[in-house]
C-alpha atoms as a PDB file:
ATOM      1  CA  MET A   1      30.593 -80.944  39.995  1.00  0.00           C
ATOM      2  CA  VAL A   2      31.082 -77.640  41.760  1.00  0.00           C
ATOM      3  CA  SER A   3      34.274 -75.815  40.775  1.00  0.00           C
ATOM      4  CA  LYS A   4      36.534 -74.692  43.565  1.00  0.00           C
ATOM      5  CA  ARG A   5      36.867 -71.009  44.285  1.00  0.00           C
ATOM      6  CA  ASN A   6      40.198 -69.342  43.664  1.00  0.00           C
ATOM      7  CA  PRO A   7      40.568 -66.484  46.172  1.00  0.00           C
ATOM      8  CA  GLU A   8      43.665 -65.043  44.494  1.00  0.00           C
ATOM      9  CA  LYS A   9      42.005 -64.954  41.082  1.00  0.00           C
ATOM     10  CA  GLU A  10      38.862 -63.406  42.557  1.00  0.00           C
ATOM     11  CA  GLU A  11      40.904 -60.735  44.363  1.00  0.00           C
ATOM     12  CA  LYS A  12      42.762 -59.875  41.147  1.00  0.00           C
ATOM     13  CA  ALA A  13      39.495 -59.678  39.191  1.00  0.00           C
ATOM     14  CA  PHE A  14      38.018 -57.445  41.896  1.00  0.00           C
ATOM     15  CA  LYS A  15      41.031 -55.103  41.751  1.00  0.00           C
ATOM     16  CA  ILE A  16      40.846 -54.854  37.957  1.00  0.00           C
ATOM     17  CA  LYS A  17      37.113 -54.173  38.138  1.00  0.00           C
ATOM     18  CA  TRP A  18      37.716 -51.493  40.767  1.00  0.00           C
ATOM     19  CA  ILE A  19      40.393 -49.872  38.569  1.00  0.00           C
ATOM     20  CA  TYR A  20      38.341 -49.608  35.390  1.00  0.00           C
ATOM     21  CA  GLU A  21      35.221 -48.532  37.261  1.00  0.00           C
ATOM     22  CA  SER A  22      37.172 -45.828  39.108  1.00  0.00           C
ATOM     23  CA  LEU A  23      38.479 -44.617  35.733  1.00  0.00           C
ATOM     24  CA  GLY A  24      34.962 -44.545  34.338  1.00  0.00           C
ATOM     25  CA  LEU A  25      35.772 -47.276  31.830  1.00  0.00           C
ATOM     26  CA  SER A  26      34.047 -50.455  30.810  1.00  0.00           C
ATOM     27  CA  LYS A  27      35.923 -53.734  31.011  1.00  0.00           C
ATOM     28  CA  GLN A  28      36.470 -53.583  27.253  1.00  0.00           C
ATOM     29  CA  GLY A  29      37.591 -49.965  27.471  1.00  0.00           C
ATOM     30  CA  TYR A  30      40.054 -50.851  30.225  1.00  0.00           C
ATOM     31  CA  TYR A  31      41.776 -53.506  28.127  1.00  0.00           C
ATOM     32  CA  GLN A  32      41.735 -51.206  25.105  1.00  0.00           C
ATOM     33  CA  ARG A  33      43.514 -48.606  27.244  1.00  0.00           C
ATOM     34  CA  ILE A  34      46.177 -51.167  28.214  1.00  0.00           C
ATOM     35  CA  ALA A  35      46.659 -52.138  24.567  1.00  0.00           C
ATOM     36  CA  SER A  36      46.856 -48.470  23.590  1.00  0.00           C
ATOM     37  CA  ASP A  37      49.489 -47.767  26.251  1.00  0.00           C
ATOM     38  CA  LYS A  38      51.575 -50.705  25.033  1.00  0.00           C
ATOM     39  CA  ILE A  39      51.347 -49.465  21.447  1.00  0.00           C
ATOM     40  CA  LYS A  40      52.331 -45.975  22.592  1.00  0.00           C
ATOM     41  CA  GLN A  41      55.314 -47.374  24.488  1.00  0.00           C
ATOM     42  CA  ILE A  42      56.467 -49.330  21.438  1.00  0.00           C
ATOM     43  CA  ARG A  43      56.033 -46.212  19.289  1.00  0.00           C
ATOM     44  CA  ASN A  44      58.005 -44.054  21.717  1.00  0.00           C
ATOM     45  CA  ASN A  45      60.817 -46.598  21.943  1.00  0.00           C
ATOM     46  CA  THR A  46      60.978 -46.719  18.145  1.00  0.00           C
ATOM     47  CA  VAL A  47      61.156 -42.915  17.943  1.00  0.00           C
ATOM     48  CA  VAL A  48      63.928 -42.797  20.548  1.00  0.00           C
ATOM     49  CA  ASP A  49      65.889 -45.417  18.584  1.00  0.00           C
ATOM     50  CA  LEU A  50      65.510 -43.311  15.426  1.00  0.00           C
ATOM     51  CA  VAL A  51      66.626 -40.178  17.289  1.00  0.00           C
ATOM     52  CA  LEU A  52      69.704 -41.931  18.665  1.00  0.00           C
ATOM     53  CA  GLU A  53      70.501 -43.204  15.173  1.00  0.00           C
ATOM     54  CA  ILE A  54      70.534 -39.620  13.854  1.00  0.00           C
ATOM     55  CA  ARG A  55      72.484 -38.288  16.817  1.00  0.00           C
ATOM     56  CA  GLU A  56      75.117 -40.970  16.431  1.00  0.00           C
ATOM     57  CA  ARG A  57      76.172 -39.097  13.291  1.00  0.00           C
ATOM     58  CA  MET A  58      75.044 -35.590  14.296  1.00  0.00           C
ATOM     59  CA  PRO A  59      75.137 -35.537  18.119  1.00  0.00           C
ATOM     60  CA  GLY A  60      73.919 -31.973  18.571  1.00  0.00           C
ATOM     61  CA  THR A  61      70.806 -32.107  16.381  1.00  0.00           C
ATOM     62  CA  GLY A  62      67.994 -30.229  18.119  1.00  0.00           C
ATOM     63  CA  THR A  63      64.362 -31.295  18.368  1.00  0.00           C
ATOM     64  CA  ARG A  64      62.966 -29.175  15.532  1.00  0.00           C
ATOM     65  CA  LYS A  65      65.522 -30.439  13.040  1.00  0.00           C
ATOM     66  CA  LEU A  66      65.092 -33.980  14.328  1.00  0.00           C
ATOM     67  CA  LEU A  67      61.419 -33.800  13.399  1.00  0.00           C
ATOM     68  CA  ASP A  68      62.344 -32.803   9.855  1.00  0.00           C
ATOM     69  CA  HIS A  69      64.862 -35.669   9.594  1.00  0.00           C
ATOM     70  CA  LEU A  70      62.317 -38.120  11.026  1.00  0.00           C
ATOM     71  CA  LYS A  71      59.409 -37.356   8.681  1.00  0.00           C
ATOM     72  CA  GLU A  72      60.282 -40.045   6.152  1.00  0.00           C
ATOM     73  CA  LYS A  73      61.033 -42.600   8.889  1.00  0.00           C
ATOM     74  CA  PHE A  74      57.690 -41.829  10.529  1.00  0.00           C
ATOM     75  CA  VAL A  75      55.885 -42.589   7.265  1.00  0.00           C
ATOM     76  CA  GLN A  76      57.836 -45.836   6.832  1.00  0.00           C
ATOM     77  CA  ASN A  77      56.980 -46.940  10.388  1.00  0.00           C
ATOM     78  CA  ASP A  78      53.393 -45.617  10.356  1.00  0.00           C
ATOM     79  CA  ILE A  79      54.171 -43.244  13.234  1.00  0.00           C
ATOM     80  CA  LYS A  80      52.192 -40.079  13.831  1.00  0.00           C
ATOM     81  CA  MET A  81      53.941 -37.628  16.143  1.00  0.00           C
ATOM     82  CA  GLY A  82      53.994 -33.848  16.092  1.00  0.00           C
ATOM     83  CA  ARG A  83      56.514 -31.361  17.402  1.00  0.00           C
ATOM     84  CA  ASP A  84      55.021 -31.004  20.887  1.00  0.00           C
ATOM     85  CA  ALA A  85      54.795 -34.775  21.400  1.00  0.00           C
ATOM     86  CA  LEU A  86      58.408 -35.181  20.276  1.00  0.00           C
ATOM     87  CA  PHE A  87      59.477 -32.409  22.665  1.00  0.00           C
ATOM     88  CA  ASP A  88      57.659 -34.138  25.538  1.00  0.00           C
ATOM     89  CA  LEU A  89      59.157 -37.533  24.700  1.00  0.00           C
ATOM     90  CA  LEU A  90      62.731 -36.250  24.463  1.00  0.00           C
ATOM     91  CA  ARG A  91      62.301 -34.253  27.660  1.00  0.00           C
ATOM     92  CA  SER A  92      61.031 -37.333  29.515  1.00  0.00           C
ATOM     93  CA  ARG A  93      63.986 -39.402  28.266  1.00  0.00           C
ATOM     94  CA  GLY A  94      66.592 -36.739  29.091  1.00  0.00           C
ATOM     95  CA  LEU A  95      67.455 -36.207  25.430  1.00  0.00           C
ATOM     96  CA  PHE A  96      67.295 -32.421  25.245  1.00  0.00           C
ATOM     97  CA  ILE A  97      70.423 -30.706  23.941  1.00  0.00           C
ATOM     98  CA  LYS A  98      71.962 -28.116  26.243  1.00  0.00           C
ATOM     99  CA  ARG A  99      73.214 -25.113  24.329  1.00  0.00           C
ATOM    100  CA  THR A 100      76.308 -23.232  25.431  1.00  0.00           C
ATOM    101  CA  LYS A 101      77.354 -19.951  23.844  1.00  0.00           C
ATOM    102  CA  ARG A 102      80.897 -18.836  24.336  1.00  0.00           C
ATOM    103  CA  PHE A 103      83.527 -17.082  22.302  1.00  0.00           C
ATOM    104  CA  HIS A 104      87.204 -18.044  22.573  1.00  0.00           C
ATOM    105  CA  ILE A 105      89.505 -15.423  21.092  1.00  0.00           C
ATOM    106  CA  THR A 106      92.002 -16.785  18.561  1.00  0.00           C
ATOM    107  CA  THR A 107      92.477 -13.444  16.801  1.00  0.00           C
ATOM    108  CA  ASP A 108      95.620 -11.347  17.135  1.00  0.00           C
ATOM    109  CA  SER A 109      94.747  -8.052  15.434  1.00  0.00           C
ATOM    110  CA  LYS A 110      97.499  -6.001  17.092  1.00  0.00           C
ATOM    111  CA  HIS A 111      99.738  -5.736  14.066  1.00  0.00           C
ATOM    112  CA  PHE A 112     100.709  -3.161  11.456  1.00  0.00           C
ATOM    113  CA  PHE A 113      99.791  -5.103   8.327  1.00  0.00           C
ATOM    114  CA  PHE A 114      97.210  -3.638   5.947  1.00  0.00           C
ATOM    115  CA  LYS A 115      93.624  -4.379   6.945  1.00  0.00           C
ATOM    116  CA  SER A 116      91.197  -4.577   4.037  1.00  0.00           C
ATOM    117  CA  PRO A 117      87.809  -2.843   4.315  1.00  0.00           C
ATOM    118  CA  ASN A 118      84.692  -4.830   5.176  1.00  0.00           C
ATOM    119  CA  LEU A 119      83.004  -5.450   1.821  1.00  0.00           C
ATOM    120  CA  LEU A 120      80.045  -7.314   3.283  1.00  0.00           C
ATOM    121  CA  TYR A 121      78.022  -4.487   4.844  1.00  0.00           C
ATOM    122  CA  ASN A 122      74.568  -4.549   3.205  1.00  0.00           C
ATOM    123  CA  LEU A 123      75.849  -6.884   0.505  1.00  0.00           C
ATOM    124  CA  ALA A 124      73.208  -9.137  -1.069  1.00  0.00           C
ATOM    125  CA  ILE A 125      74.488 -12.681  -1.434  1.00  0.00           C
ATOM    126  CA  THR A 126      72.899 -14.058  -4.602  1.00  0.00           C
ATOM    127  CA  HIS A 127      74.822 -17.197  -5.484  1.00  0.00           C
ATOM    128  CA  ALA A 128      77.353 -19.762  -4.375  1.00  0.00           C
ATOM    129  CA  GLU A 129      81.059 -18.937  -4.599  1.00  0.00           C
ATOM    130  CA  GLN A 130      80.394 -15.216  -4.332  1.00  0.00           C
ATOM    131  CA  VAL A 131      81.696 -14.821  -0.764  1.00  0.00           C
ATOM    132  CA  PHE A 132      83.893 -17.107   1.319  1.00  0.00           C
ATOM    133  CA  VAL A 133      84.158 -16.472   5.065  1.00  0.00           C
ATOM    134  CA  ALA A 134      87.246 -17.653   6.928  1.00  0.00           C
ATOM    135  CA  ASP A 135      88.011 -18.129  10.593  1.00  0.00           C
ATOM    136  CA  ILE A 136      90.217 -20.021  13.045  1.00  0.00           C
ATOM    137  CA  THR A 137      88.973 -21.894  16.088  1.00  0.00           C
ATOM    138  CA  TYR A 138      90.690 -24.107  18.627  1.00  0.00           C
ATOM    139  CA  ILE A 139      90.348 -27.830  19.318  1.00  0.00           C
ATOM    140  CA  LYS A 140      91.474 -29.190  22.696  1.00  0.00           C
ATOM    141  CA  THR A 141      93.747 -32.240  22.744  1.00  0.00           C
ATOM    142  CA  ASP A 142      95.711 -34.033  25.460  1.00  0.00           C
ATOM    143  CA  ALA A 143      98.859 -32.414  24.057  1.00  0.00           C
ATOM    144  CA  GLY A 144      97.380 -28.902  24.174  1.00  0.00           C
ATOM    145  CA  HIS A 145      95.386 -26.760  21.762  1.00  0.00           C
ATOM    146  CA  ALA A 146      95.201 -27.546  18.064  1.00  0.00           C
ATOM    147  CA  TYR A 147      93.843 -24.971  15.632  1.00  0.00           C
ATOM    148  CA  LEU A 148      91.267 -25.422  12.884  1.00  0.00           C
ATOM    149  CA  ALA A 149      91.111 -23.031   9.924  1.00  0.00           C
ATOM    150  CA  LEU A 150      87.832 -23.076   7.986  1.00  0.00           C
ATOM    151  CA  VAL A 151      86.702 -21.494   4.728  1.00  0.00           C
ATOM    152  CA  THR A 152      82.918 -21.508   4.264  1.00  0.00           C
ATOM    153  CA  ASP A 153      80.710 -20.387   1.384  1.00  0.00           C
ATOM    154  CA  ALA A 154      78.495 -17.604   2.756  1.00  0.00           C
ATOM    155  CA  TYR A 155      75.606 -18.443   0.421  1.00  0.00           C
ATOM    156  CA  SER A 156      75.352 -22.218   0.765  1.00  0.00           C
ATOM    157  CA  ARG A 157      77.046 -22.578   4.195  1.00  0.00           C
ATOM    158  CA  LYS A 158      79.183 -25.320   2.654  1.00  0.00           C
ATOM    159  CA  ILE A 159      82.622 -25.742   4.219  1.00  0.00           C
ATOM    160  CA  MET A 160      84.852 -25.431   1.158  1.00  0.00           C
ATOM    161  CA  GLY A 161      88.244 -25.882   2.781  1.00  0.00           C
ATOM    162  CA  TRP A 162      89.876 -26.632   6.111  1.00  0.00           C
ATOM    163  CA  ALA A 163      93.212 -27.330   7.761  1.00  0.00           C
ATOM    164  CA  LEU A 164      94.083 -28.408  11.301  1.00  0.00           C
ATOM    165  CA  GLU A 165      97.506 -28.007  12.914  1.00  0.00           C
ATOM    166  CA  ASP A 166      99.098 -27.735  16.347  1.00  0.00           C
ATOM    167  CA  ASN A 167     100.083 -24.117  15.607  1.00  0.00           C
ATOM    168  CA  MET A 168      98.565 -20.946  14.137  1.00  0.00           C
ATOM    169  CA  ARG A 169     101.118 -20.281  11.422  1.00  0.00           C
ATOM    170  CA  VAL A 170      99.980 -18.667   8.183  1.00  0.00           C
ATOM    171  CA  GLU A 171     100.593 -21.915   6.259  1.00  0.00           C
ATOM    172  CA  MET A 172      97.504 -23.394   7.912  1.00  0.00           C
ATOM    173  CA  VAL A 173      95.107 -20.718   6.621  1.00  0.00           C
ATOM    174  CA  LYS A 174      96.766 -20.856   3.199  1.00  0.00           C
ATOM    175  CA  ASN A 175      96.183 -24.626   3.039  1.00  0.00           C
ATOM    176  CA  ALA A 176      92.513 -24.168   3.982  1.00  0.00           C
ATOM    177  CA  LEU A 177      92.089 -21.531   1.261  1.00  0.00           C
ATOM    178  CA  LYS A 178      93.947 -23.686  -1.267  1.00  0.00           C
ATOM    179  CA  MET A 179      91.505 -26.541  -0.602  1.00  0.00           C
ATOM    180  CA  ALA A 180      88.541 -24.158  -0.899  1.00  0.00           C
ATOM    181  CA  HIS A 181      89.817 -22.896  -4.254  1.00  0.00           C
ATOM    182  CA  GLN A 182      90.292 -26.456  -5.523  1.00  0.00           C
ATOM    183  CA  ASN A 183      86.752 -27.360  -4.433  1.00  0.00           C
ATOM    184  CA  CYS A 184      85.138 -24.561  -6.435  1.00  0.00           C
ATOM    185  CA  ILE A 185      82.834 -25.943  -9.117  1.00  0.00           C
ATOM    186  CA  PHE A 186      81.959 -22.627 -10.762  1.00  0.00           C
ATOM    187  CA  ASN A 187      84.265 -19.843 -11.968  1.00  0.00           C
ATOM    188  CA  PRO A 188      86.589 -19.226  -8.979  1.00  0.00           C
ATOM    189  CA  LYS A 189      87.417 -15.613  -9.840  1.00  0.00           C
ATOM    190  CA  ASN A 190      86.697 -12.435  -7.864  1.00  0.00           C
ATOM    191  CA  ILE A 191      85.331 -14.332  -4.865  1.00  0.00           C
ATOM    192  CA  ILE A 192      85.301 -12.123  -1.779  1.00  0.00           C
ATOM    193  CA  HIS A 193      87.426 -13.648   0.981  1.00  0.00           C
ATOM    194  CA  HIS A 194      86.138 -12.283   4.295  1.00  0.00           C
ATOM    195  CA  SER A 195      87.929 -12.844   7.596  1.00  0.00           C
ATOM    196  CA  ASP A 196      88.730 -11.178  10.888  1.00  0.00           C
ATOM    197  CA  ARG A 197      91.742  -8.869  11.225  1.00  0.00           C
ATOM    198  CA  GLY A 198      94.025 -11.604  12.540  1.00  0.00           C
ATOM    199  CA  ILE A 199      97.687 -11.484  11.651  1.00  0.00           C
ATOM    200  CA  GLN A 200      97.456 -14.763   9.706  1.00  0.00           C
ATOM    201  CA  TYR A 201      94.928 -13.237   7.274  1.00  0.00           C
ATOM    202  CA  CYS A 202      96.478  -9.768   6.961  1.00  0.00           C
ATOM    203  CA  CYS A 203     100.138 -10.683   6.581  1.00  0.00           C
ATOM    204  CA  PRO A 204     101.585 -10.317   3.046  1.00  0.00           C
ATOM    205  CA  ASP A 205     102.243 -14.066   2.770  1.00  0.00           C
ATOM    206  CA  HIS A 206      98.519 -14.821   2.952  1.00  0.00           C
ATOM    207  CA  SER A 207      97.289 -11.685   1.180  1.00  0.00           C
ATOM    208  CA  GLU A 208      99.516 -12.264  -1.851  1.00  0.00           C
ATOM    209  CA  PHE A 209      98.583 -15.950  -1.947  1.00  0.00           C
ATOM    210  CA  ALA A 210      94.835 -15.160  -1.837  1.00  0.00           C
ATOM    211  CA  GLU A 211      95.017 -12.388  -4.421  1.00  0.00           C
ATOM    212  CA  GLY A 212      97.119 -14.635  -6.636  1.00  0.00           C
ATOM    213  CA  LYS A 213      94.186 -17.082  -6.639  1.00  0.00           C
ATOM    214  CA  GLY A 214      91.825 -14.286  -7.701  1.00  0.00           C
ATOM    215  CA  PHE A 215      90.237 -13.542  -4.309  1.00  0.00           C
ATOM    216  CA  ILE A 216      89.184 -10.043  -3.230  1.00  0.00           C
ATOM    217  CA  LEU A 217      90.081  -9.484   0.418  1.00  0.00           C
ATOM    218  CA  SER A 218      87.660  -8.192   3.051  1.00  0.00           C
ATOM    219  CA  THR A 219      88.100  -8.001   6.828  1.00  0.00           C
ATOM    220  CA  THR A 220      86.062  -7.087   9.868  1.00  0.00           C
ATOM    221  CA  GLN A 221      86.568  -3.583  11.223  1.00  0.00           C
ATOM    222  CA  LYS A 222      86.743  -4.497  14.901  1.00  0.00           C
ATOM    223  CA  TYR A 223      86.628  -7.605  17.069  1.00  0.00           C
ATOM    224  CA  ASP A 224      82.931  -8.333  16.954  1.00  0.00           C
ATOM    225  CA  PRO A 225      81.778 -11.944  16.376  1.00  0.00           C
ATOM    226  CA  TYR A 226      78.720 -10.716  14.460  1.00  0.00           C
ATOM    227  CA  GLU A 227      80.908  -9.091  11.808  1.00  0.00           C
ATOM    228  CA  ASN A 228      81.859 -12.620  10.819  1.00  0.00           C
ATOM    229  CA  ALA A 229      78.718 -14.312  12.107  1.00  0.00           C
ATOM    230  CA  ILE A 230      78.514 -17.256   9.710  1.00  0.00           C
ATOM    231  CA  ALA A 231      82.116 -18.294  10.317  1.00  0.00           C
ATOM    232  CA  GLU A 232      81.638 -18.044  14.086  1.00  0.00           C
ATOM    233  CA  ARG A 233      78.424 -20.072  13.886  1.00  0.00           C
ATOM    234  CA  ILE A 234      80.032 -22.851  11.851  1.00  0.00           C
ATOM    235  CA  ASN A 235      82.737 -23.132  14.512  1.00  0.00           C
ATOM    236  CA  GLY A 236      80.038 -23.663  17.131  1.00  0.00           C
ATOM    237  CA  ILE A 237      78.176 -26.234  15.062  1.00  0.00           C
ATOM    238  CA  LEU A 238      81.257 -28.407  14.589  1.00  0.00           C
ATOM    239  CA  LYS A 239      82.107 -28.223  18.280  1.00  0.00           C
ATOM    240  CA  TYR A 240      78.729 -28.577  19.946  1.00  0.00           C
ATOM    241  CA  GLU A 241      76.922 -30.744  17.389  1.00  0.00           C
ATOM    242  CA  PHE A 242      79.764 -32.970  16.228  1.00  0.00           C
ATOM    243  CA  GLY A 243      81.755 -33.581  19.398  1.00  0.00           C
ATOM    244  CA  LEU A 244      84.790 -31.426  18.629  1.00  0.00           C
ATOM    245  CA  LYS A 245      84.380 -29.454  21.841  1.00  0.00           C
ATOM    246  CA  ARG A 246      85.609 -32.241  24.087  1.00  0.00           C
ATOM    247  CA  THR A 247      89.297 -32.898  24.694  1.00  0.00           C
ATOM    248  CA  LEU A 248      90.607 -35.319  22.059  1.00  0.00           C
ATOM    249  CA  LYS A 249      93.521 -37.723  22.409  1.00  0.00           C
ATOM    250  CA  SER A 250      95.752 -36.269  19.720  1.00  0.00           C
ATOM    251  CA  VAL A 251      95.971 -33.883  16.778  1.00  0.00           C
ATOM    252  CA  GLN A 252      95.793 -36.866  14.418  1.00  0.00           C
ATOM    253  CA  ILE A 253      92.517 -38.041  15.965  1.00  0.00           C
ATOM    254  CA  ALA A 254      91.251 -34.458  15.790  1.00  0.00           C
ATOM    255  CA  LYS A 255      91.984 -34.419  12.049  1.00  0.00           C
ATOM    256  CA  VAL A 256      90.113 -37.681  11.477  1.00  0.00           C
ATOM    257  CA  MET A 257      87.098 -36.509  13.482  1.00  0.00           C
ATOM    258  CA  THR A 258      87.091 -33.098  11.794  1.00  0.00           C
ATOM    259  CA  LYS A 259      87.143 -34.634   8.324  1.00  0.00           C
ATOM    260  CA  GLU A 260      84.206 -36.897   9.186  1.00  0.00           C
ATOM    261  CA  ALA A 261      82.288 -34.051  10.853  1.00  0.00           C
ATOM    262  CA  ILE A 262      82.687 -31.763   7.830  1.00  0.00           C
ATOM    263  CA  GLU A 263      81.586 -34.521   5.457  1.00  0.00           C
ATOM    264  CA  ILE A 264      78.398 -35.080   7.466  1.00  0.00           C
ATOM    265  CA  TYR A 265      77.869 -31.351   7.996  1.00  0.00           C
ATOM    266  CA  ASN A 266      78.066 -30.567   4.264  1.00  0.00           C
ATOM    267  CA  ASN A 267      75.917 -33.463   3.081  1.00  0.00           C
ATOM    268  CA  GLU A 268      73.465 -34.264   5.884  1.00  0.00           C
ATOM    269  CA  ARG A 269      72.996 -31.369   8.312  1.00  0.00           C
ATOM    270  CA  THR A 270      70.091 -29.126   7.313  1.00  0.00           C
ATOM    271  CA  HIS A 271      69.893 -25.389   8.027  1.00  0.00           C
ATOM    272  CA  TRP A 272      66.889 -23.232   8.841  1.00  0.00           C
ATOM    273  CA  SER A 273      68.434 -20.454   6.750  1.00  0.00           C
ATOM    274  CA  LEU A 274      68.534 -22.837   3.766  1.00  0.00           C
ATOM    275  CA  ASP A 275      64.878 -23.884   4.050  1.00  0.00           C
ATOM    276  CA  LEU A 276      66.018 -27.065   5.823  1.00  0.00           C
ATOM    277  CA  LYS A 277      68.268 -28.119   2.968  1.00  0.00           C
ATOM    278  CA  THR A 278      71.883 -29.225   3.219  1.00  0.00           C
ATOM    279  CA  PRO A 279      74.818 -26.986   2.251  1.00  0.00           C
ATOM    280  CA  GLN A 280      75.847 -29.326  -0.554  1.00  0.00           C
ATOM    281  CA  SER A 281      72.400 -29.386  -2.178  1.00  0.00           C
ATOM    282  CA  VAL A 282      72.078 -25.581  -2.044  1.00  0.00           C
ATOM    283  CA  HIS A 283      75.622 -25.091  -3.326  1.00  0.00           C
ATOM    284  CA  LEU A 284      74.918 -27.199  -6.395  1.00  0.00           C
ATOM    285  CA  GLN A 285      71.847 -25.085  -7.176  1.00  0.00           C
ATOM    286  CA  TYR A 286      74.181 -22.059  -7.393  1.00  0.00           C
ATOM    287  CA  ASN A 287      71.599 -19.266  -7.201  1.00  0.00           C
ATOM    288  CA  LYS A 288      68.541 -20.640  -5.415  1.00  0.00           C
ATOM    289  CA  GLN A 289      66.461 -17.683  -4.218  1.00  0.00           C
ATOM    290  CA  ILE A 290      67.410 -17.407  -0.564  1.00  0.00           C
ATOM    291  CA  ASN A 291      67.454 -13.810   0.598  1.00  0.00           C
ATOM    292  CA  LYS A 292      70.593 -12.974   2.517  1.00  0.00           C
ATOM    293  CA  SER A 293      72.247  -9.702   3.426  1.00  0.00           C
ATOM    294  CA  TYR A 294      74.975  -8.670   5.780  1.00  0.00           C
ATOM    295  CA  LYS A 295      74.202  -5.818   8.101  1.00  0.00           C
ATOM    296  CA  LYS A 296      76.084  -4.546  11.072  1.00  0.00           C
ATOM    297  CA  GLU A 297      75.315  -6.535  14.223  1.00  0.00           C
ATOM    298  CA  ASN A 298      72.932  -8.914  12.429  1.00  0.00           C
ATOM    299  CA  LYS A 299      72.586 -12.462  13.696  1.00  0.00           C
ATOM    300  CA  VAL A 300      72.678 -15.320  11.236  1.00  0.00           C
ATOM    301  CA  ALA A 301      70.347 -18.301  11.597  1.00  0.00           C
ATOM    302  CA  VAL A 302      71.798 -21.663  10.743  1.00  0.00           C
END
């Protein structure tokens, strides 16, 4: 019995043969290429899912830090992907993070209160709870600007205290410093408290409160973001990496989001300046050998 010809099947077979011959492949090589492409697609989709999982908690995590976070997951999923391949994949999927640098002035230094000298020039930071840096930034809400006061350990980059209000009264910065003092785990005496020359930090109400807690006051000598670089950088991280830059519904929602962001920042976000460790882990080590110094105009990597 002679089998009937199937023109459609023959045409498809001819096309496939033409494709693999034009690619310089054997029939076996052609199907291996198809299988390889499918495996690659599955791998890429898995990587994208892992990236989105990380960015759900830390939305602004860049590609280099993503690779560090993904190392363990790659081993678990038998995935081999280097930095360049990850860059290419994220670029093709539109997952690059756009960076925006901008300073919004929240400092009113036109006052006659005493301004402490800057104690951080050329100072070697050797351990946690040696220097706290303080700053105020703004958070946009539907009701207008809210203001976030932060106190950060200059050695570990850990946010030690914070307060968020719909005004910039001195009570806000006092509450942030009070929380920072309560969160100290070593001897909280003679810690340098460094801030800009804003009226909230220089007024007697705050100065007496800080000195009463054992802090030594230090302030910038002019309005220059790099004189308080770590504090300025932390502001940017919370806004651009944790979604606090967008306009939020209310001050109460801003407080909830800020609390969650700081918790993740302290315990999960790694820093280049900390050898890709988290602020909390470095803080607990107290005096891990990380060379840091403050020099005029220096930029701080975080």
